[in-house]
Amino acid sequence: MRSQIAKKLEDDVRTAFERATEGTGSPEDLIKAVRVLVRGLKKEGRPPENVVVTVKRLCGLSPIAVAADTDSNAVTSVSKRISDMVVRAAIDEYYAGTRKGPPPWKGYSVELEDLSS
């Protein structure tokens, strides 16, 4: 049984994703919610693939990458870019602290600026 905290974190990600893709919320808020959730799931001992699938499920994304998902030219919609950003944020947060160099989220400001175009 999931704890109330885990349920709230999942609801936060789901709501933040909906708002970001509708334009009523910011991608920054979504990334923050994803990071918090990922830290919690990792602390529970979940493997990275389980964490990514959980985040994708919460955002209504397919848990399996299809050929079009790997082609950066296939879809350039804001929704697709936000979806890609969410998956990258989940992976980066899961492995944060295990790599040398600057924190992996340093580049998000550039990606977030791209969403305004």
N, C-alpha and C. Protein backbone atom coordinates (compact mmCIF):
# COMPACT_ATOMS: atom_id res chain seq x y z
N MET A 1 0.84 -1.18 0.00
CA MET A 1 0.00 0.00 0.00
C MET A 1 0.88 1.25 0.00
N ARG A 2 0.57 2.17 -0.88
CA ARG A 2 1.35 3.41 -0.97
C ARG A 2 1.02 4.32 0.20
N SER A 3 2.03 5.04 0.63
CA SER A 3 1.83 6.00 1.70
C SER A 3 1.10 7.23 1.16
N GLN A 4 0.57 8.01 2.08
CA GLN A 4 -0.11 9.25 1.69
C GLN A 4 0.88 10.21 1.02
N ILE A 5 2.12 10.20 1.51
CA ILE A 5 3.13 11.08 0.94
C ILE A 5 3.43 10.67 -0.50
N ALA A 6 3.60 9.36 -0.75
CA ALA A 6 3.87 8.88 -2.10
C ALA A 6 2.72 9.23 -3.04
N LYS A 7 1.50 9.07 -2.57
CA LYS A 7 0.33 9.41 -3.39
C LYS A 7 0.32 10.89 -3.72
N LYS A 8 0.63 11.74 -2.74
CA LYS A 8 0.65 13.18 -2.97
C LYS A 8 1.73 13.54 -4.00
N LEU A 9 2.91 12.94 -3.87
CA LEU A 9 3.99 13.23 -4.82
C LEU A 9 3.58 12.82 -6.24
N GLU A 10 2.93 11.68 -6.36
CA GLU A 10 2.46 11.23 -7.67
C GLU A 10 1.40 12.18 -8.22
N ASP A 11 0.47 12.60 -7.37
CA ASP A 11 -0.56 13.56 -7.79
C ASP A 11 0.07 14.88 -8.22
N ASP A 12 1.12 15.31 -7.50
CA ASP A 12 1.81 16.55 -7.84
C ASP A 12 2.40 16.48 -9.25
N VAL A 13 3.03 15.35 -9.57
CA VAL A 13 3.61 15.19 -10.91
C VAL A 13 2.52 15.17 -11.97
N ARG A 14 1.48 14.41 -11.73
CA ARG A 14 0.38 14.31 -12.69
C ARG A 14 -0.23 15.70 -12.96
N THR A 15 -0.51 16.44 -11.91
CA THR A 15 -1.12 17.76 -12.03
C THR A 15 -0.17 18.74 -12.71
N ALA A 16 1.10 18.72 -12.32
CA ALA A 16 2.09 19.63 -12.91
C ALA A 16 2.26 19.34 -14.40
N PHE A 17 2.22 18.06 -14.79
CA PHE A 17 2.34 17.72 -16.21
C PHE A 17 1.14 18.25 -16.99
N GLU A 18 -0.05 18.03 -16.46
CA GLU A 18 -1.26 18.53 -17.13
C GLU A 18 -1.20 20.04 -17.30
N ARG A 19 -0.82 20.73 -16.25
CA ARG A 19 -0.75 22.20 -16.32
C ARG A 19 0.32 22.67 -17.29
N ALA A 20 1.48 22.01 -17.29
CA ALA A 20 2.56 22.42 -18.19
C ALA A 20 2.17 22.22 -19.64
N THR A 21 1.51 21.11 -19.95
CA THR A 21 1.14 20.85 -21.34
C THR A 21 -0.04 21.71 -21.79
N GLU A 22 -0.87 22.14 -20.84
CA GLU A 22 -1.99 23.02 -21.17
C GLU A 22 -1.58 24.48 -21.23
N GLY A 23 -0.40 24.79 -20.71
CA GLY A 23 0.07 26.17 -20.70
C GLY A 23 -0.37 26.95 -19.47
N THR A 24 -1.00 26.27 -18.50
CA THR A 24 -1.44 26.96 -17.29
C THR A 24 -0.45 26.80 -16.15
N GLY A 25 0.58 26.01 -16.35
CA GLY A 25 1.61 25.80 -15.35
C GLY A 25 2.97 25.87 -16.00
N SER A 26 3.99 25.96 -15.18
CA SER A 26 5.33 26.11 -15.74
C SER A 26 6.06 24.77 -15.82
N PRO A 27 6.90 24.62 -16.83
CA PRO A 27 7.74 23.43 -16.91
C PRO A 27 8.67 23.32 -15.71
N GLU A 28 9.08 24.46 -15.15
CA GLU A 28 9.95 24.44 -13.97
C GLU A 28 9.26 23.74 -12.80
N ASP A 29 7.97 24.02 -12.59
CA ASP A 29 7.23 23.37 -11.52
C ASP A 29 7.13 21.87 -11.76
N LEU A 30 6.95 21.48 -13.01
CA LEU A 30 6.89 20.07 -13.36
C LEU A 30 8.21 19.38 -13.05
N ILE A 31 9.31 20.00 -13.44
CA ILE A 31 10.63 19.41 -13.19
C ILE A 31 10.87 19.28 -11.70
N LYS A 32 10.50 20.27 -10.93
CA LYS A 32 10.65 20.20 -9.46
C LYS A 32 9.86 19.02 -8.91
N ALA A 33 8.61 18.87 -9.35
CA ALA A 33 7.77 17.77 -8.86
C ALA A 33 8.36 16.42 -9.24
N VAL A 34 8.88 16.30 -10.46
CA VAL A 34 9.50 15.05 -10.90
C VAL A 34 10.72 14.73 -10.05
N ARG A 35 11.55 15.73 -9.79
CA ARG A 35 12.76 15.51 -8.99
C ARG A 35 12.42 14.99 -7.60
N VAL A 36 11.43 15.62 -6.96
CA VAL A 36 11.04 15.22 -5.60
C VAL A 36 10.52 13.78 -5.62
N LEU A 37 9.67 13.45 -6.59
CA LEU A 37 9.14 12.10 -6.69
C LEU A 37 10.26 11.08 -6.92
N VAL A 38 11.16 11.38 -7.84
CA VAL A 38 12.25 10.46 -8.15
C VAL A 38 13.12 10.21 -6.93
N ARG A 39 13.43 11.26 -6.18
CA ARG A 39 14.23 11.07 -4.96
C ARG A 39 13.53 10.13 -3.99
N GLY A 40 12.21 10.30 -3.85
CA GLY A 40 11.44 9.42 -2.97
C GLY A 40 11.43 7.98 -3.45
N LEU A 41 11.23 7.77 -4.74
CA LEU A 41 11.19 6.42 -5.28
C LEU A 41 12.56 5.75 -5.17
N LYS A 42 13.62 6.52 -5.40
CA LYS A 42 14.96 5.97 -5.29
C LYS A 42 15.25 5.59 -3.84
N LYS A 43 14.81 6.44 -2.92
CA LYS A 43 15.02 6.16 -1.50
C LYS A 43 14.30 4.87 -1.09
N GLU A 44 13.17 4.58 -1.75
CA GLU A 44 12.44 3.33 -1.49
C GLU A 44 13.18 2.12 -2.05
N GLY A 45 14.21 2.36 -2.86
CA GLY A 45 14.97 1.26 -3.44
C GLY A 45 14.50 0.82 -4.81
N ARG A 46 13.68 1.65 -5.45
CA ARG A 46 13.20 1.28 -6.78
C ARG A 46 14.32 1.39 -7.80
N PRO A 47 14.39 0.44 -8.73
CA PRO A 47 15.41 0.50 -9.79
C PRO A 47 15.07 1.62 -10.79
N PRO A 48 16.07 2.11 -11.52
CA PRO A 48 15.84 3.25 -12.42
C PRO A 48 14.76 3.00 -13.46
N GLU A 49 14.70 1.80 -14.02
CA GLU A 49 13.68 1.54 -15.05
C GLU A 49 12.27 1.62 -14.47
N ASN A 50 12.10 1.20 -13.22
CA ASN A 50 10.80 1.29 -12.56
C ASN A 50 10.43 2.74 -12.32
N VAL A 51 11.40 3.55 -11.94
CA VAL A 51 11.16 4.97 -11.69
C VAL A 51 10.74 5.67 -12.98
N VAL A 52 11.44 5.40 -14.07
CA VAL A 52 11.10 6.03 -15.35
C VAL A 52 9.70 5.62 -15.81
N VAL A 53 9.38 4.34 -15.69
CA VAL A 53 8.06 3.87 -16.08
C VAL A 53 6.98 4.52 -15.22
N THR A 54 7.24 4.66 -13.93
CA THR A 54 6.27 5.30 -13.03
C THR A 54 6.04 6.75 -13.44
N VAL A 55 7.10 7.48 -13.71
CA VAL A 55 6.97 8.88 -14.12
C VAL A 55 6.21 8.98 -15.44
N LYS A 56 6.55 8.11 -16.39
CA LYS A 56 5.84 8.13 -17.67
C LYS A 56 4.35 7.84 -17.48
N ARG A 57 4.04 6.86 -16.63
CA ARG A 57 2.63 6.51 -16.38
C ARG A 57 1.87 7.70 -15.79
N LEU A 58 2.48 8.37 -14.84
CA LEU A 58 1.84 9.51 -14.20
C LEU A 58 1.56 10.65 -15.19
N CYS A 59 2.41 10.74 -16.21
CA CYS A 59 2.26 11.79 -17.22
C CYS A 59 1.45 11.33 -18.42
N GLY A 60 0.91 10.12 -18.35
CA GLY A 60 0.11 9.61 -19.45
C GLY A 60 0.92 9.26 -20.68
N LEU A 61 2.20 8.96 -20.48
CA LEU A 61 3.08 8.61 -21.59
C LEU A 61 3.20 7.10 -21.73
N SER A 62 3.52 6.66 -22.92
CA SER A 62 3.75 5.25 -23.15
C SER A 62 5.00 4.81 -22.40
N PRO A 63 4.93 3.71 -21.66
CA PRO A 63 6.12 3.25 -20.93
C PRO A 63 7.20 2.69 -21.84
N ILE A 64 6.87 2.48 -23.10
CA ILE A 64 7.81 1.89 -24.05
C ILE A 64 8.12 2.92 -25.13
N ALA A 65 9.40 3.11 -25.42
CA ALA A 65 9.80 4.01 -26.50
C ALA A 65 9.49 3.34 -27.83
N VAL A 66 8.92 4.10 -28.74
CA VAL A 66 8.70 3.59 -30.09
C VAL A 66 9.64 4.32 -31.03
N ALA A 67 9.75 3.84 -32.24
CA ALA A 67 10.72 4.41 -33.18
C ALA A 67 10.59 5.92 -33.31
N ALA A 68 9.39 6.44 -33.37
CA ALA A 68 9.20 7.88 -33.52
C ALA A 68 9.74 8.64 -32.31
N ASP A 69 9.73 8.00 -31.13
CA ASP A 69 10.22 8.67 -29.93
C ASP A 69 11.72 8.92 -29.99
N THR A 70 12.43 8.13 -30.75
CA THR A 70 13.88 8.28 -30.81
C THR A 70 14.31 9.22 -31.91
N ASP A 71 13.40 9.63 -32.77
CA ASP A 71 13.71 10.54 -33.85
C ASP A 71 13.38 11.96 -33.41
N SER A 72 14.41 12.75 -33.17
CA SER A 72 14.19 14.10 -32.66
C SER A 72 13.43 14.98 -33.64
N ASN A 73 13.39 14.62 -34.90
CA ASN A 73 12.65 15.40 -35.88
C ASN A 73 11.21 14.94 -36.04
N ALA A 74 10.83 13.85 -35.40
CA ALA A 74 9.50 13.28 -35.60
C ALA A 74 8.39 14.20 -35.11
N VAL A 75 8.49 14.71 -33.89
CA VAL A 75 7.46 15.57 -33.34
C VAL A 75 8.14 16.71 -32.62
N THR A 76 7.73 17.94 -32.90
CA THR A 76 8.34 19.08 -32.24
C THR A 76 7.32 19.87 -31.43
N SER A 77 6.23 19.25 -31.07
CA SER A 77 5.20 19.95 -30.30
C SER A 77 5.69 20.25 -28.89
N VAL A 78 5.07 21.23 -28.27
CA VAL A 78 5.41 21.57 -26.89
C VAL A 78 5.18 20.37 -25.99
N SER A 79 4.08 19.65 -26.20
CA SER A 79 3.78 18.47 -25.38
C SER A 79 4.89 17.43 -25.49
N LYS A 80 5.39 17.19 -26.67
CA LYS A 80 6.46 16.22 -26.88
C LYS A 80 7.75 16.69 -26.21
N ARG A 81 8.06 17.96 -26.34
CA ARG A 81 9.28 18.49 -25.71
C ARG A 81 9.18 18.40 -24.19
N ILE A 82 8.00 18.68 -23.64
CA ILE A 82 7.82 18.56 -22.20
C ILE A 82 7.95 17.11 -21.77
N SER A 83 7.37 16.20 -22.55
CA SER A 83 7.48 14.77 -22.24
C SER A 83 8.93 14.32 -22.23
N ASP A 84 9.69 14.73 -23.22
CA ASP A 84 11.11 14.38 -23.29
C ASP A 84 11.86 14.96 -22.09
N MET A 85 11.53 16.19 -21.73
CA MET A 85 12.19 16.85 -20.61
C MET A 85 11.91 16.12 -19.31
N VAL A 86 10.69 15.64 -19.14
CA VAL A 86 10.30 14.91 -17.93
C VAL A 86 11.12 13.62 -17.80
N VAL A 87 11.24 12.88 -18.87
CA VAL A 87 11.99 11.62 -18.84
C VAL A 87 13.47 11.90 -18.55
N ARG A 88 14.03 12.91 -19.20
CA ARG A 88 15.44 13.25 -18.93
C ARG A 88 15.62 13.69 -17.48
N ALA A 89 14.69 14.47 -16.97
CA ALA A 89 14.79 14.94 -15.58
C ALA A 89 14.74 13.77 -14.61
N ALA A 90 13.87 12.80 -14.89
CA ALA A 90 13.76 11.63 -14.02
C ALA A 90 15.08 10.84 -14.00
N ILE A 91 15.64 10.63 -15.17
CA ILE A 91 16.90 9.88 -15.26
C ILE A 91 18.04 10.67 -14.61
N ASP A 92 18.12 11.95 -14.92
CA ASP A 92 19.18 12.78 -14.33
C ASP A 92 19.08 12.83 -12.81
N GLU A 93 17.87 12.98 -12.31
CA GLU A 93 17.70 13.05 -10.85
C GLU A 93 18.03 11.72 -10.19
N TYR A 94 17.66 10.63 -10.84
CA TYR A 94 17.94 9.31 -10.27
C TYR A 94 19.45 9.13 -10.08
N TYR A 95 20.21 9.57 -11.06
CA TYR A 95 21.66 9.39 -11.01
C TYR A 95 22.42 10.58 -10.47
N ALA A 96 21.72 11.63 -10.03
CA ALA A 96 22.39 12.80 -9.46
C ALA A 96 23.26 12.37 -8.29
N GLY A 97 24.47 12.90 -8.25
CA GLY A 97 25.37 12.56 -7.16
C GLY A 97 26.23 11.35 -7.45
N THR A 98 25.89 10.59 -8.48
CA THR A 98 26.71 9.43 -8.80
C THR A 98 27.67 9.72 -9.94
N ARG A 99 27.52 10.89 -10.55
CA ARG A 99 28.41 11.29 -11.63
C ARG A 99 29.29 12.43 -11.17
N LYS A 100 30.42 12.58 -11.83
CA LYS A 100 31.28 13.71 -11.56
C LYS A 100 30.87 14.84 -12.48
N GLY A 101 31.11 16.05 -12.06
CA GLY A 101 30.79 17.21 -12.88
C GLY A 101 29.59 17.96 -12.34
N PRO A 102 29.11 18.95 -13.10
CA PRO A 102 28.01 19.79 -12.62
C PRO A 102 26.71 18.98 -12.53
N PRO A 103 25.78 19.39 -11.69
CA PRO A 103 24.50 18.69 -11.60
C PRO A 103 23.84 18.61 -12.98
N PRO A 104 23.20 17.50 -13.29
CA PRO A 104 22.66 17.30 -14.64
C PRO A 104 21.54 18.27 -15.00
N TRP A 105 20.92 18.91 -14.03
CA TRP A 105 19.79 19.78 -14.36
C TRP A 105 20.23 21.18 -14.74
N LYS A 106 21.51 21.45 -14.74
CA LYS A 106 22.00 22.79 -15.09
C LYS A 106 21.51 23.22 -16.47
N GLY A 107 21.35 22.31 -17.40
CA GLY A 107 20.96 22.67 -18.76
C GLY A 107 19.48 22.92 -18.96
N TYR A 108 18.66 22.72 -17.93
CA TYR A 108 17.23 22.85 -18.15
C TYR A 108 16.78 24.25 -18.49
N SER A 109 17.49 25.26 -18.03
CA SER A 109 17.05 26.61 -18.34
C SER A 109 17.03 26.83 -19.85
N VAL A 110 17.99 26.27 -20.55
CA VAL A 110 18.02 26.39 -22.00
C VAL A 110 16.82 25.67 -22.60
N GLU A 111 16.54 24.46 -22.14
CA GLU A 111 15.41 23.70 -22.66
C GLU A 111 14.10 24.43 -22.37
N LEU A 112 13.98 25.01 -21.20
CA LEU A 112 12.74 25.69 -20.83
C LEU A 112 12.55 26.93 -21.69
N GLU A 113 13.63 27.61 -22.04
CA GLU A 113 13.52 28.77 -22.92
C GLU A 113 13.00 28.34 -24.29
N ASP A 114 13.42 27.15 -24.74
CA ASP A 114 12.96 26.66 -26.03
C ASP A 114 11.46 26.44 -26.07
N LEU A 115 10.85 26.16 -24.93
CA LEU A 115 9.41 25.90 -24.89
C LEU A 115 8.60 27.15 -25.19
N SER A 116 9.17 28.31 -24.97
CA SER A 116 8.42 29.54 -25.19
C SER A 116 8.32 29.88 -26.67
N SER A 117 9.09 29.21 -27.52
CA SER A 117 9.04 29.51 -28.95
C SER A 117 7.94 28.77 -29.65
